N, C-alpha and C. Protein backbone atom coordinates (compact mmCIF):
# COMPACT_ATOMS: atom_id res chain seq x y z
N MET A 1 201.67 85.35 25.82
CA MET A 1 201.46 85.12 27.24
C MET A 1 202.27 86.09 28.06
N ASP A 2 203.47 86.28 27.70
CA ASP A 2 204.32 87.23 28.41
C ASP A 2 203.80 88.64 28.26
N GLU A 3 203.21 88.91 27.10
CA GLU A 3 202.70 90.26 26.86
C GLU A 3 201.50 90.54 27.75
N GLN A 4 200.65 89.49 27.96
CA GLN A 4 199.50 89.67 28.84
C GLN A 4 199.92 89.92 30.28
N ASP A 5 200.94 89.18 30.70
CA ASP A 5 201.44 89.38 32.07
C ASP A 5 201.96 90.79 32.26
N ASN A 6 202.55 91.30 31.23
CA ASN A 6 203.10 92.65 31.36
C ASN A 6 202.02 93.72 31.44
N ASN A 7 200.82 93.39 30.86
CA ASN A 7 199.73 94.38 30.87
C ASN A 7 198.87 94.35 32.14
N ARG A 8 199.09 93.39 33.01
CA ARG A 8 198.29 93.30 34.25
C ARG A 8 198.71 94.39 35.26
N VAL A 9 197.67 94.82 35.99
CA VAL A 9 197.93 95.83 37.04
C VAL A 9 197.76 95.14 38.40
N TYR A 10 198.76 95.18 39.17
CA TYR A 10 198.74 94.54 40.50
C TYR A 10 198.44 95.61 41.58
N ILE A 11 197.45 95.30 42.44
CA ILE A 11 197.08 96.20 43.55
C ILE A 11 197.51 95.56 44.86
N ARG A 12 198.37 96.19 45.56
CA ARG A 12 198.85 95.66 46.84
C ARG A 12 198.09 96.33 48.02
N LYS A 13 197.67 95.47 48.92
CA LYS A 13 197.00 95.98 50.13
C LYS A 13 198.05 96.36 51.16
N THR A 14 198.07 97.60 51.47
CA THR A 14 199.05 98.06 52.46
C THR A 14 198.32 98.75 53.61
N LYS A 15 198.80 98.58 54.82
CA LYS A 15 198.22 99.23 56.00
C LYS A 15 198.64 100.69 56.03
N PRO A 16 197.66 101.56 56.35
CA PRO A 16 198.04 102.98 56.45
C PRO A 16 199.01 103.18 57.60
N SER A 17 199.96 103.94 57.38
CA SER A 17 200.95 104.20 58.43
C SER A 17 200.79 105.62 58.94
N PHE A 18 200.80 105.75 60.29
CA PHE A 18 200.68 107.06 60.93
C PHE A 18 201.92 107.30 61.77
N THR A 19 202.27 108.50 61.79
CA THR A 19 203.42 108.85 62.62
C THR A 19 203.01 108.86 64.08
N ARG A 20 203.96 108.89 64.96
CA ARG A 20 203.68 108.91 66.39
C ARG A 20 202.89 110.17 66.76
N GLU A 21 203.23 111.28 66.13
CA GLU A 21 202.53 112.52 66.42
C GLU A 21 201.06 112.43 66.02
N GLN A 22 200.80 111.76 64.86
CA GLN A 22 199.41 111.63 64.42
C GLN A 22 198.61 110.76 65.38
N ARG A 23 199.23 109.65 65.81
CA ARG A 23 198.52 108.77 66.75
C ARG A 23 198.23 109.51 68.06
N ALA A 24 199.19 110.27 68.54
CA ALA A 24 198.98 111.03 69.77
C ALA A 24 197.87 112.05 69.61
N GLY A 25 197.80 112.65 68.41
CA GLY A 25 196.74 113.62 68.15
C GLY A 25 195.37 112.99 68.18
N PHE A 26 195.27 111.76 67.58
CA PHE A 26 193.99 111.05 67.59
C PHE A 26 193.55 110.74 69.03
N VAL A 27 194.49 110.31 69.84
CA VAL A 27 194.17 109.97 71.24
C VAL A 27 193.67 111.20 71.98
N LEU A 28 194.32 112.32 71.76
CA LEU A 28 193.91 113.56 72.43
C LEU A 28 192.52 113.99 72.01
N VAL A 29 192.25 113.88 70.69
CA VAL A 29 190.94 114.27 70.18
C VAL A 29 189.84 113.39 70.77
N ILE A 30 190.09 112.08 70.77
CA ILE A 30 189.09 111.14 71.31
C ILE A 30 188.89 111.38 72.81
N GLY A 31 189.99 111.57 73.54
CA GLY A 31 189.89 111.81 74.98
C GLY A 31 189.15 113.09 75.29
N ALA A 32 189.46 114.15 74.53
CA ALA A 32 188.77 115.42 74.75
C ALA A 32 187.29 115.30 74.46
N GLY A 33 186.94 114.52 73.45
CA GLY A 33 185.53 114.32 73.12
C GLY A 33 184.79 113.60 74.23
N ALA A 34 185.45 112.58 74.79
CA ALA A 34 184.82 111.83 75.88
C ALA A 34 184.60 112.72 77.09
N ILE A 35 185.60 113.52 77.42
CA ILE A 35 185.48 114.43 78.57
C ILE A 35 184.37 115.44 78.35
N ALA A 36 184.30 115.98 77.13
CA ALA A 36 183.26 116.95 76.80
C ALA A 36 181.88 116.33 76.94
N ALA A 37 181.75 115.07 76.51
CA ALA A 37 180.46 114.39 76.62
C ALA A 37 180.05 114.21 78.07
N LEU A 38 181.01 113.82 78.92
CA LEU A 38 180.72 113.63 80.34
C LEU A 38 180.31 114.94 81.00
N LEU A 39 181.06 116.00 80.69
CA LEU A 39 180.74 117.31 81.25
C LEU A 39 179.35 117.77 80.81
N GLY A 40 179.01 117.46 79.57
CA GLY A 40 177.70 117.83 79.07
C GLY A 40 176.59 117.12 79.83
N LEU A 41 176.80 115.83 80.11
CA LEU A 41 175.81 115.08 80.87
C LEU A 41 175.65 115.64 82.28
N VAL A 42 176.79 115.97 82.91
CA VAL A 42 176.73 116.54 84.26
C VAL A 42 176.00 117.87 84.25
N TYR A 43 176.30 118.70 83.27
CA TYR A 43 175.69 120.03 83.16
C TYR A 43 174.18 119.91 82.98
N VAL A 44 173.78 119.03 82.07
CA VAL A 44 172.35 118.85 81.80
C VAL A 44 171.65 118.29 83.04
N GLY A 45 172.29 117.30 83.67
CA GLY A 45 171.68 116.71 84.87
C GLY A 45 171.50 117.72 85.98
N ARG A 46 172.49 118.58 86.15
CA ARG A 46 172.41 119.58 87.21
C ARG A 46 171.29 120.58 86.94
N HIS A 47 171.14 120.98 85.71
CA HIS A 47 170.10 121.94 85.37
C HIS A 47 168.71 121.32 85.46
N LEU A 48 168.63 120.01 85.31
CA LEU A 48 167.34 119.35 85.45
C LEU A 48 166.93 119.23 86.91
N THR A 49 167.92 119.06 87.80
CA THR A 49 167.61 118.86 89.22
C THR A 49 167.62 120.14 90.03
N ASP A 50 168.25 121.20 89.54
CA ASP A 50 168.35 122.45 90.30
C ASP A 50 167.00 123.02 90.72
N PRO A 51 165.98 123.01 89.84
CA PRO A 51 164.69 123.58 90.26
C PRO A 51 164.07 122.87 91.45
N PHE A 52 164.48 121.62 91.68
CA PHE A 52 163.88 120.84 92.76
C PHE A 52 164.77 120.80 94.00
N ALA A 53 165.95 121.39 93.93
CA ALA A 53 166.87 121.38 95.07
C ALA A 53 166.45 122.45 96.07
N ILE A 54 166.44 122.08 97.35
CA ILE A 54 166.05 123.00 98.42
C ILE A 54 167.27 123.28 99.29
N ASP A 55 167.68 124.53 99.30
CA ASP A 55 168.82 124.94 100.12
C ASP A 55 168.29 125.64 101.36
N TYR A 56 168.03 124.85 102.44
CA TYR A 56 167.42 125.39 103.65
C TYR A 56 168.29 125.06 104.84
N SER A 57 168.67 126.08 105.59
CA SER A 57 169.55 125.87 106.74
C SER A 57 168.89 126.33 108.04
N GLY A 58 167.59 126.56 108.02
CA GLY A 58 166.88 127.03 109.21
C GLY A 58 166.55 125.89 110.15
N PRO A 59 165.70 126.15 111.14
CA PRO A 59 165.33 125.11 112.11
C PRO A 59 164.52 123.99 111.46
N MET A 60 164.67 122.79 112.01
CA MET A 60 163.97 121.64 111.47
C MET A 60 162.53 121.63 111.99
N TYR A 61 161.58 121.46 111.07
CA TYR A 61 160.18 121.45 111.45
C TYR A 61 159.75 120.01 111.76
N LEU A 62 159.21 119.82 112.96
CA LEU A 62 158.84 118.49 113.42
C LEU A 62 157.39 118.49 113.87
N THR A 63 156.78 117.31 113.83
CA THR A 63 155.45 117.16 114.39
C THR A 63 155.58 117.16 115.92
N SER A 64 154.47 117.31 116.60
CA SER A 64 154.51 117.32 118.07
C SER A 64 155.03 116.00 118.61
N ASP A 65 154.67 114.89 117.97
CA ASP A 65 155.16 113.58 118.41
C ASP A 65 156.67 113.46 118.20
N GLU A 66 157.16 113.95 117.06
CA GLU A 66 158.59 113.89 116.79
C GLU A 66 159.37 114.76 117.77
N GLN A 67 158.83 115.95 118.08
CA GLN A 67 159.49 116.84 119.03
C GLN A 67 159.51 116.22 120.43
N GLU A 68 158.41 115.59 120.81
CA GLU A 68 158.35 114.94 122.12
C GLU A 68 159.36 113.81 122.20
N TRP A 69 159.49 113.05 121.11
CA TRP A 69 160.45 111.94 121.09
C TRP A 69 161.87 112.47 121.21
N LEU A 70 162.18 113.57 120.51
CA LEU A 70 163.51 114.16 120.59
C LEU A 70 163.79 114.70 121.99
N ASP A 71 162.79 115.29 122.62
CA ASP A 71 162.96 115.81 123.98
C ASP A 71 163.26 114.68 124.95
N LEU A 72 162.54 113.59 124.82
CA LEU A 72 162.78 112.44 125.70
C LEU A 72 164.17 111.86 125.47
N LEU A 73 164.57 111.80 124.21
CA LEU A 73 165.90 111.28 123.89
C LEU A 73 166.98 112.18 124.48
N GLU A 74 166.78 113.48 124.40
CA GLU A 74 167.75 114.42 124.96
C GLU A 74 167.82 114.29 126.48
N GLN A 75 166.66 114.10 127.12
CA GLN A 75 166.63 113.94 128.57
C GLN A 75 167.35 112.67 129.01
N GLN A 76 167.26 111.63 128.20
CA GLN A 76 167.94 110.38 128.54
C GLN A 76 169.46 110.52 128.47
N ASN A 77 169.93 111.50 127.73
CA ASN A 77 171.37 111.70 127.57
C ASN A 77 171.86 112.97 128.27
N SER A 78 171.00 113.55 129.12
CA SER A 78 171.37 114.78 129.82
C SER A 78 171.37 114.56 131.33
N ASP A 79 172.26 115.25 132.00
CA ASP A 79 172.31 115.24 133.46
C ASP A 79 172.55 116.68 133.91
N THR A 80 171.48 117.46 133.97
CA THR A 80 171.60 118.89 134.22
C THR A 80 172.27 119.22 135.55
N ASP A 81 171.89 118.50 136.61
CA ASP A 81 172.45 118.82 137.93
C ASP A 81 173.71 118.02 138.27
N LYS A 82 174.20 117.22 137.32
CA LYS A 82 175.46 116.49 137.49
C LYS A 82 175.45 115.57 138.72
N ASP A 83 174.34 114.87 138.94
CA ASP A 83 174.28 113.95 140.08
C ASP A 83 174.33 112.49 139.64
N THR A 84 174.73 112.25 138.40
CA THR A 84 174.89 110.92 137.76
C THR A 84 173.55 110.30 137.38
N LEU A 85 172.45 110.96 137.65
CA LEU A 85 171.13 110.47 137.23
C LEU A 85 170.68 111.26 136.01
N SER A 86 170.21 110.58 135.00
CA SER A 86 169.76 111.29 133.80
C SER A 86 168.52 112.11 134.11
N ASP A 87 168.32 113.18 133.36
CA ASP A 87 167.13 114.00 133.55
C ASP A 87 165.86 113.18 133.36
N TYR A 88 165.90 112.24 132.42
CA TYR A 88 164.73 111.40 132.15
C TYR A 88 164.38 110.58 133.38
N ASP A 89 165.39 109.92 133.98
CA ASP A 89 165.15 109.09 135.17
C ASP A 89 164.63 109.93 136.33
N GLU A 90 165.19 111.13 136.47
CA GLU A 90 164.76 111.99 137.58
C GLU A 90 163.30 112.42 137.41
N LEU A 91 162.92 112.74 136.18
CA LEU A 91 161.57 113.23 135.93
C LEU A 91 160.52 112.12 135.96
N TYR A 92 160.83 110.98 135.33
CA TYR A 92 159.81 109.97 135.10
C TYR A 92 159.97 108.69 135.92
N VAL A 93 161.13 108.48 136.53
CA VAL A 93 161.34 107.26 137.31
C VAL A 93 161.36 107.57 138.81
N TYR A 94 162.25 108.49 139.21
CA TYR A 94 162.42 108.77 140.64
C TYR A 94 161.62 109.97 141.12
N LYS A 95 161.04 110.74 140.18
CA LYS A 95 160.24 111.92 140.52
C LYS A 95 161.05 112.96 141.30
N THR A 96 162.32 113.07 140.99
CA THR A 96 163.18 114.06 141.63
C THR A 96 163.40 115.24 140.68
N SER A 97 164.05 116.28 141.18
CA SER A 97 164.31 117.45 140.34
C SER A 97 165.59 117.24 139.53
N PRO A 98 165.52 117.44 138.22
CA PRO A 98 166.73 117.32 137.40
C PRO A 98 167.64 118.53 137.53
N TYR A 99 167.20 119.53 138.33
CA TYR A 99 167.99 120.76 138.47
C TYR A 99 168.69 120.86 139.82
N LEU A 100 168.35 119.97 140.77
CA LEU A 100 168.97 119.99 142.09
C LEU A 100 169.57 118.62 142.39
N GLN A 101 170.82 118.60 142.83
CA GLN A 101 171.45 117.33 143.18
C GLN A 101 170.78 116.69 144.39
N ASP A 102 170.32 117.51 145.31
CA ASP A 102 169.65 117.03 146.52
C ASP A 102 168.22 117.58 146.51
N THR A 103 167.32 116.83 145.94
CA THR A 103 165.95 117.31 145.75
C THR A 103 165.26 117.66 147.06
N ASP A 104 165.40 116.79 148.08
CA ASP A 104 164.69 117.03 149.34
C ASP A 104 165.49 117.89 150.31
N GLY A 105 166.73 118.26 149.94
CA GLY A 105 167.52 119.18 150.76
C GLY A 105 167.95 118.65 152.11
N ASP A 106 168.13 117.32 152.23
CA ASP A 106 168.52 116.76 153.53
C ASP A 106 170.03 116.52 153.64
N GLY A 107 170.79 116.99 152.66
CA GLY A 107 172.24 116.83 152.72
C GLY A 107 172.77 115.62 152.00
N TYR A 108 171.89 114.77 151.49
CA TYR A 108 172.31 113.59 150.74
C TYR A 108 171.80 113.74 149.31
N ASN A 109 172.71 113.61 148.33
CA ASN A 109 172.27 113.82 146.96
C ASN A 109 171.36 112.68 146.50
N ASP A 110 170.62 112.95 145.46
CA ASP A 110 169.60 112.00 144.99
C ASP A 110 170.18 110.63 144.67
N ALA A 111 171.34 110.61 144.00
CA ALA A 111 171.93 109.34 143.60
C ALA A 111 172.28 108.49 144.81
N THR A 112 172.81 109.14 145.87
CA THR A 112 173.17 108.41 147.09
C THR A 112 171.94 107.83 147.77
N GLU A 113 170.87 108.62 147.85
CA GLU A 113 169.65 108.14 148.49
C GLU A 113 169.02 106.98 147.71
N ILE A 114 169.06 107.07 146.40
CA ILE A 114 168.51 105.98 145.58
C ILE A 114 169.34 104.72 145.74
N ALA A 115 170.67 104.88 145.79
CA ALA A 115 171.56 103.72 145.95
C ALA A 115 171.36 103.03 147.29
N THR A 116 170.93 103.79 148.31
CA THR A 116 170.72 103.21 149.65
C THR A 116 169.24 102.93 149.91
N SER A 117 168.44 102.94 148.85
CA SER A 117 167.00 102.64 148.94
C SER A 117 166.25 103.64 149.81
N SER A 118 166.76 104.87 149.90
CA SER A 118 166.05 105.93 150.62
C SER A 118 165.20 106.71 149.62
N ASP A 119 164.27 107.49 150.15
CA ASP A 119 163.39 108.29 149.29
C ASP A 119 164.05 109.63 149.02
N PRO A 120 164.47 109.89 147.78
CA PRO A 120 165.16 111.15 147.48
C PRO A 120 164.24 112.36 147.49
N THR A 121 162.92 112.13 147.61
CA THR A 121 161.98 113.25 147.66
C THR A 121 161.47 113.51 149.07
N CYS A 122 161.98 112.77 150.04
CA CYS A 122 161.57 112.94 151.43
C CYS A 122 162.82 113.11 152.28
N ALA A 123 162.95 114.25 152.94
CA ALA A 123 164.14 114.54 153.74
C ALA A 123 164.31 113.51 154.85
N ALA A 124 165.56 113.19 155.16
CA ALA A 124 165.87 112.22 156.21
C ALA A 124 165.25 112.67 157.53
N GLY A 125 164.52 111.76 158.19
CA GLY A 125 163.89 112.07 159.47
C GLY A 125 162.51 112.68 159.35
N ALA A 126 162.12 113.05 158.15
CA ALA A 126 160.81 113.67 157.95
C ALA A 126 159.74 112.59 157.79
N ASP A 127 158.51 112.94 158.12
CA ASP A 127 157.39 112.01 157.99
C ASP A 127 156.61 112.38 156.73
N CYS A 128 156.90 111.68 155.65
CA CYS A 128 156.25 111.96 154.37
C CYS A 128 155.03 111.06 154.22
N ASN A 129 153.91 111.66 153.87
CA ASN A 129 152.67 110.89 153.78
C ASN A 129 152.69 109.89 152.65
N THR A 130 153.19 110.30 151.50
CA THR A 130 153.23 109.40 150.35
C THR A 130 154.58 109.47 149.70
N ALA A 131 154.90 108.42 148.98
CA ALA A 131 156.17 108.37 148.26
C ALA A 131 156.08 109.09 146.94
N ASP A 132 154.88 109.61 146.62
CA ASP A 132 154.69 110.25 145.32
C ASP A 132 154.75 111.77 145.40
N ASP A 133 155.07 112.31 146.60
CA ASP A 133 155.18 113.77 146.72
C ASP A 133 156.30 114.26 145.84
N ILE A 134 156.04 115.29 145.10
CA ILE A 134 157.03 115.82 144.17
C ILE A 134 157.59 117.11 144.74
N ALA A 135 158.90 117.15 144.89
CA ALA A 135 159.54 118.30 145.51
C ALA A 135 159.29 119.57 144.72
N VAL A 136 159.25 119.44 143.40
CA VAL A 136 159.02 120.62 142.57
C VAL A 136 157.67 121.22 142.87
N GLY A 137 156.67 120.37 143.11
CA GLY A 137 155.35 120.86 143.45
C GLY A 137 155.37 121.61 144.77
N THR A 138 156.09 121.07 145.77
CA THR A 138 156.22 121.74 147.05
C THR A 138 156.88 123.10 146.87
N THR A 139 157.91 123.13 146.04
CA THR A 139 158.60 124.39 145.78
C THR A 139 157.64 125.43 145.23
N LEU A 140 156.80 125.02 144.30
CA LEU A 140 155.86 125.97 143.72
C LEU A 140 154.79 126.38 144.71
N ASP A 141 154.37 125.47 145.61
CA ASP A 141 153.40 125.84 146.62
C ASP A 141 153.95 126.97 147.49
N PHE A 142 155.20 126.84 147.91
CA PHE A 142 155.82 127.89 148.69
C PHE A 142 155.90 129.18 147.89
N GLY A 143 156.28 129.02 146.60
CA GLY A 143 156.44 130.21 145.76
C GLY A 143 155.14 130.95 145.58
N ILE A 144 154.07 130.21 145.38
CA ILE A 144 152.78 130.84 145.17
C ILE A 144 152.31 131.53 146.44
N SER A 145 152.56 130.91 147.61
CA SER A 145 152.18 131.54 148.86
C SER A 145 152.91 132.85 149.06
N ASP A 146 154.23 132.83 148.78
CA ASP A 146 155.02 134.04 148.93
C ASP A 146 154.54 135.12 147.97
N VAL A 147 154.27 134.72 146.75
CA VAL A 147 153.81 135.69 145.76
C VAL A 147 152.47 136.25 146.17
N ASP A 148 151.60 135.39 146.73
CA ASP A 148 150.27 135.83 147.12
C ASP A 148 150.35 136.88 148.23
N ASP A 149 151.33 136.74 149.13
CA ASP A 149 151.47 137.68 150.23
C ASP A 149 152.02 139.02 149.79
N THR A 150 152.82 139.03 148.73
CA THR A 150 153.53 140.25 148.36
C THR A 150 152.96 140.95 147.14
N SER A 151 152.58 140.15 146.14
CA SER A 151 152.24 140.77 144.86
C SER A 151 150.80 140.58 144.44
N VAL A 152 150.20 139.44 144.82
CA VAL A 152 148.87 139.13 144.30
C VAL A 152 147.95 138.66 145.43
N SER A 153 147.71 139.51 146.40
CA SER A 153 146.92 139.13 147.57
C SER A 153 145.43 139.04 147.26
N ASN A 154 145.00 139.57 146.17
CA ASN A 154 143.59 139.53 145.79
C ASN A 154 143.13 138.10 145.60
N THR A 155 142.01 137.73 146.25
CA THR A 155 141.53 136.35 146.16
C THR A 155 141.04 136.00 144.77
N ASP A 156 140.77 137.00 143.95
CA ASP A 156 140.31 136.75 142.59
C ASP A 156 141.47 136.71 141.60
N THR A 157 142.68 136.55 142.11
CA THR A 157 143.86 136.53 141.24
C THR A 157 143.75 135.40 140.22
N THR A 158 144.04 135.71 138.99
CA THR A 158 143.98 134.71 137.94
C THR A 158 145.30 133.98 137.80
N ILE A 159 145.26 132.88 137.10
CA ILE A 159 146.47 132.10 136.88
C ILE A 159 147.52 132.91 136.13
N SER A 160 147.07 133.68 135.13
CA SER A 160 148.03 134.46 134.35
C SER A 160 148.72 135.51 135.22
N GLN A 161 147.99 136.09 136.18
CA GLN A 161 148.58 137.08 137.08
C GLN A 161 149.63 136.44 137.99
N ILE A 162 149.33 135.24 138.46
CA ILE A 162 150.28 134.53 139.31
C ILE A 162 151.53 134.17 138.52
N GLU A 163 151.34 133.69 137.30
CA GLU A 163 152.49 133.35 136.46
C GLU A 163 153.36 134.58 136.22
N SER A 164 152.70 135.72 136.01
CA SER A 164 153.45 136.96 135.79
C SER A 164 154.22 137.35 137.05
N ALA A 165 153.59 137.19 138.21
CA ALA A 165 154.26 137.52 139.46
C ALA A 165 155.45 136.61 139.71
N ILE A 166 155.29 135.32 139.38
CA ILE A 166 156.38 134.36 139.56
C ILE A 166 157.56 134.75 138.68
N SER A 167 157.28 135.11 137.44
CA SER A 167 158.35 135.46 136.51
C SER A 167 159.08 136.73 136.92
N ASN A 168 158.43 137.56 137.77
CA ASN A 168 159.04 138.82 138.19
C ASN A 168 159.69 138.75 139.57
N LEU A 169 159.79 137.55 140.13
CA LEU A 169 160.45 137.40 141.43
C LEU A 169 161.90 137.83 141.33
N SER A 170 162.39 138.48 142.37
CA SER A 170 163.80 138.87 142.40
C SER A 170 164.66 137.66 142.75
N VAL A 171 165.96 137.77 142.52
CA VAL A 171 166.87 136.67 142.84
C VAL A 171 166.83 136.37 144.33
N THR A 172 166.74 137.41 145.17
CA THR A 172 166.68 137.22 146.62
C THR A 172 165.44 136.41 147.01
N GLU A 173 164.31 136.73 146.38
CA GLU A 173 163.08 136.00 146.66
C GLU A 173 163.18 134.56 146.19
N ILE A 174 163.84 134.35 145.06
CA ILE A 174 164.01 132.99 144.54
C ILE A 174 164.89 132.18 145.48
N ARG A 175 165.96 132.78 145.98
CA ARG A 175 166.85 132.08 146.93
C ARG A 175 166.05 131.63 148.16
N GLN A 176 165.25 132.55 148.72
CA GLN A 176 164.47 132.21 149.90
C GLN A 176 163.44 131.14 149.58
N LEU A 177 162.91 131.21 148.36
CA LEU A 177 161.93 130.22 147.91
C LEU A 177 162.54 128.82 147.91
N LEU A 178 163.75 128.71 147.38
CA LEU A 178 164.44 127.43 147.32
C LEU A 178 164.72 126.89 148.72
N ILE A 179 165.18 127.78 149.61
CA ILE A 179 165.50 127.37 150.98
C ILE A 179 164.24 126.92 151.72
N ASP A 180 163.16 127.70 151.59
CA ASP A 180 161.89 127.34 152.24
C ASP A 180 161.34 126.02 151.73
N SER A 181 161.72 125.67 150.51
CA SER A 181 161.20 124.44 149.89
C SER A 181 162.06 123.23 150.21
N GLY A 182 163.10 123.42 151.00
CA GLY A 182 163.91 122.28 151.42
C GLY A 182 165.28 122.19 150.82
N ALA A 183 165.63 123.11 149.93
CA ALA A 183 166.97 123.09 149.35
C ALA A 183 168.00 123.47 150.41
N ASP A 184 169.17 122.88 150.31
CA ASP A 184 170.23 123.14 151.27
C ASP A 184 170.66 124.62 151.20
N GLU A 185 170.61 125.31 152.34
CA GLU A 185 170.92 126.74 152.36
C GLU A 185 172.35 127.01 151.96
N THR A 186 173.26 126.11 152.38
CA THR A 186 174.68 126.29 152.01
C THR A 186 174.86 126.18 150.51
N LEU A 187 174.17 125.19 149.91
CA LEU A 187 174.26 125.01 148.47
C LEU A 187 173.70 126.22 147.73
N VAL A 188 172.57 126.72 148.21
CA VAL A 188 171.95 127.87 147.56
C VAL A 188 172.85 129.10 147.65
N SER A 189 173.52 129.25 148.79
CA SER A 189 174.38 130.43 148.97
C SER A 189 175.61 130.39 148.08
N THR A 190 175.99 129.19 147.62
CA THR A 190 177.17 129.10 146.76
C THR A 190 176.85 129.42 145.30
N LEU A 191 175.57 129.47 144.97
CA LEU A 191 175.16 129.76 143.60
C LEU A 191 175.21 131.26 143.35
N THR A 192 175.66 131.63 142.17
CA THR A 192 175.64 133.04 141.78
C THR A 192 174.22 133.46 141.45
N ASP A 193 173.99 134.77 141.41
CA ASP A 193 172.65 135.27 141.06
C ASP A 193 172.22 134.75 139.69
N GLU A 194 173.16 134.72 138.76
CA GLU A 194 172.85 134.24 137.41
C GLU A 194 172.46 132.77 137.43
N GLU A 195 173.18 131.96 138.23
CA GLU A 195 172.88 130.53 138.31
C GLU A 195 171.51 130.30 138.95
N VAL A 196 171.20 131.08 139.99
CA VAL A 196 169.90 130.95 140.65
C VAL A 196 168.77 131.28 139.68
N LYS A 197 168.94 132.38 138.94
CA LYS A 197 167.92 132.80 137.98
C LYS A 197 167.78 131.78 136.86
N THR A 198 168.90 131.27 136.37
CA THR A 198 168.87 130.27 135.30
C THR A 198 168.17 129.00 135.76
N LEU A 199 168.49 128.56 136.98
CA LEU A 199 167.87 127.36 137.54
C LEU A 199 166.36 127.54 137.67
N PHE A 200 165.95 128.67 138.22
CA PHE A 200 164.53 128.93 138.42
C PHE A 200 163.79 129.02 137.09
N ASP A 201 164.37 129.74 136.14
CA ASP A 201 163.74 129.87 134.82
C ASP A 201 163.61 128.52 134.13
N ALA A 202 164.63 127.66 134.30
CA ALA A 202 164.59 126.33 133.68
C ALA A 202 163.48 125.49 134.28
N VAL A 203 163.30 125.56 135.61
CA VAL A 203 162.23 124.81 136.27
C VAL A 203 160.87 125.28 135.78
N ILE A 204 160.67 126.61 135.74
CA ILE A 204 159.39 127.17 135.30
C ILE A 204 159.11 126.80 133.84
N ALA A 205 160.14 126.88 133.00
CA ALA A 205 159.97 126.55 131.58
C ALA A 205 159.59 125.09 131.41
N ASP A 206 160.22 124.22 132.20
CA ASP A 206 159.94 122.79 132.10
C ASP A 206 158.51 122.49 132.54
N LEU A 207 158.09 123.09 133.64
CA LEU A 207 156.73 122.87 134.14
C LEU A 207 155.68 123.48 133.21
N THR A 208 156.01 124.60 132.60
CA THR A 208 155.08 125.24 131.67
C THR A 208 154.88 124.39 130.43
N SER A 209 155.98 123.83 129.91
CA SER A 209 155.89 123.03 128.69
C SER A 209 155.09 121.76 128.89
N THR A 210 155.07 121.23 130.12
CA THR A 210 154.33 119.99 130.39
C THR A 210 152.93 120.26 130.94
N GLY A 211 152.59 121.55 131.15
CA GLY A 211 151.27 121.89 131.65
C GLY A 211 151.11 121.74 133.16
N GLN A 212 152.21 121.39 133.85
CA GLN A 212 152.13 121.17 135.30
C GLN A 212 152.00 122.48 136.08
N LEU A 213 152.54 123.57 135.52
CA LEU A 213 152.51 124.84 136.25
C LEU A 213 151.08 125.31 136.50
N ASP A 214 150.25 125.32 135.46
CA ASP A 214 148.86 125.75 135.62
C ASP A 214 148.13 124.84 136.61
N SER A 215 148.41 123.54 136.52
CA SER A 215 147.75 122.59 137.41
C SER A 215 148.11 122.85 138.87
N LEU A 216 149.39 123.11 139.12
CA LEU A 216 149.83 123.37 140.49
C LEU A 216 149.26 124.68 141.02
N ILE A 217 149.18 125.69 140.15
CA ILE A 217 148.62 126.98 140.57
C ILE A 217 147.14 126.83 140.90
N GLU A 218 146.41 126.09 140.06
CA GLU A 218 144.98 125.89 140.30
C GLU A 218 144.76 125.16 141.63
N THR A 219 145.63 124.17 141.91
CA THR A 219 145.52 123.43 143.16
C THR A 219 145.75 124.35 144.35
N SER A 220 146.72 125.25 144.22
CA SER A 220 147.04 126.15 145.32
C SER A 220 145.94 127.18 145.56
N LEU A 221 145.18 127.50 144.53
CA LEU A 221 144.12 128.50 144.65
C LEU A 221 142.83 127.92 145.22
N GLN A 222 142.73 126.61 145.27
CA GLN A 222 141.50 125.97 145.74
C GLN A 222 141.37 126.09 147.26
């Protein structure tokens, strides 16, 4: 019996032991592998999406309805003549000029006349036939008459010729045009030539974009 015990082989289960350096090495290897895998996924994903990525920094293309909506939104938040009335309200509510603080040129700015229930498109003391008269239209009537006398006296003058003549008016002619249309002469005289030209160009551009310029010219030619 003792001899059999001596011939037995005993196998002991022991846990593998690693040094601190070995454990640190394993952690580094595993961590590096995980990072490499993540970078690989990012790289592959980027190459899959790159062909479909559009890098465009030019102007935004909008439909006519979208552009009109943006224009209206901008007008609601703009006050070009600094009279506390938004351009939108002046154009579509009060029918006043968004470029002149005193549309009818009677010495009272549009906001004051509206606050006192006066007509900002009819000069104080004047007899206005209707409350719907638009000062900008009157301004253009004067302008077309002046242009007709100086540049386009031919009765067969076309709309395009009149538009060309209007665009070629000198600053002096524009100043007189504004004064004849009811703008305050003192206010006009304080404007620089550049401001007068900018104001006039802005009015013409606004009327052209809405189609009112051609309509007013046709009315004046009748």
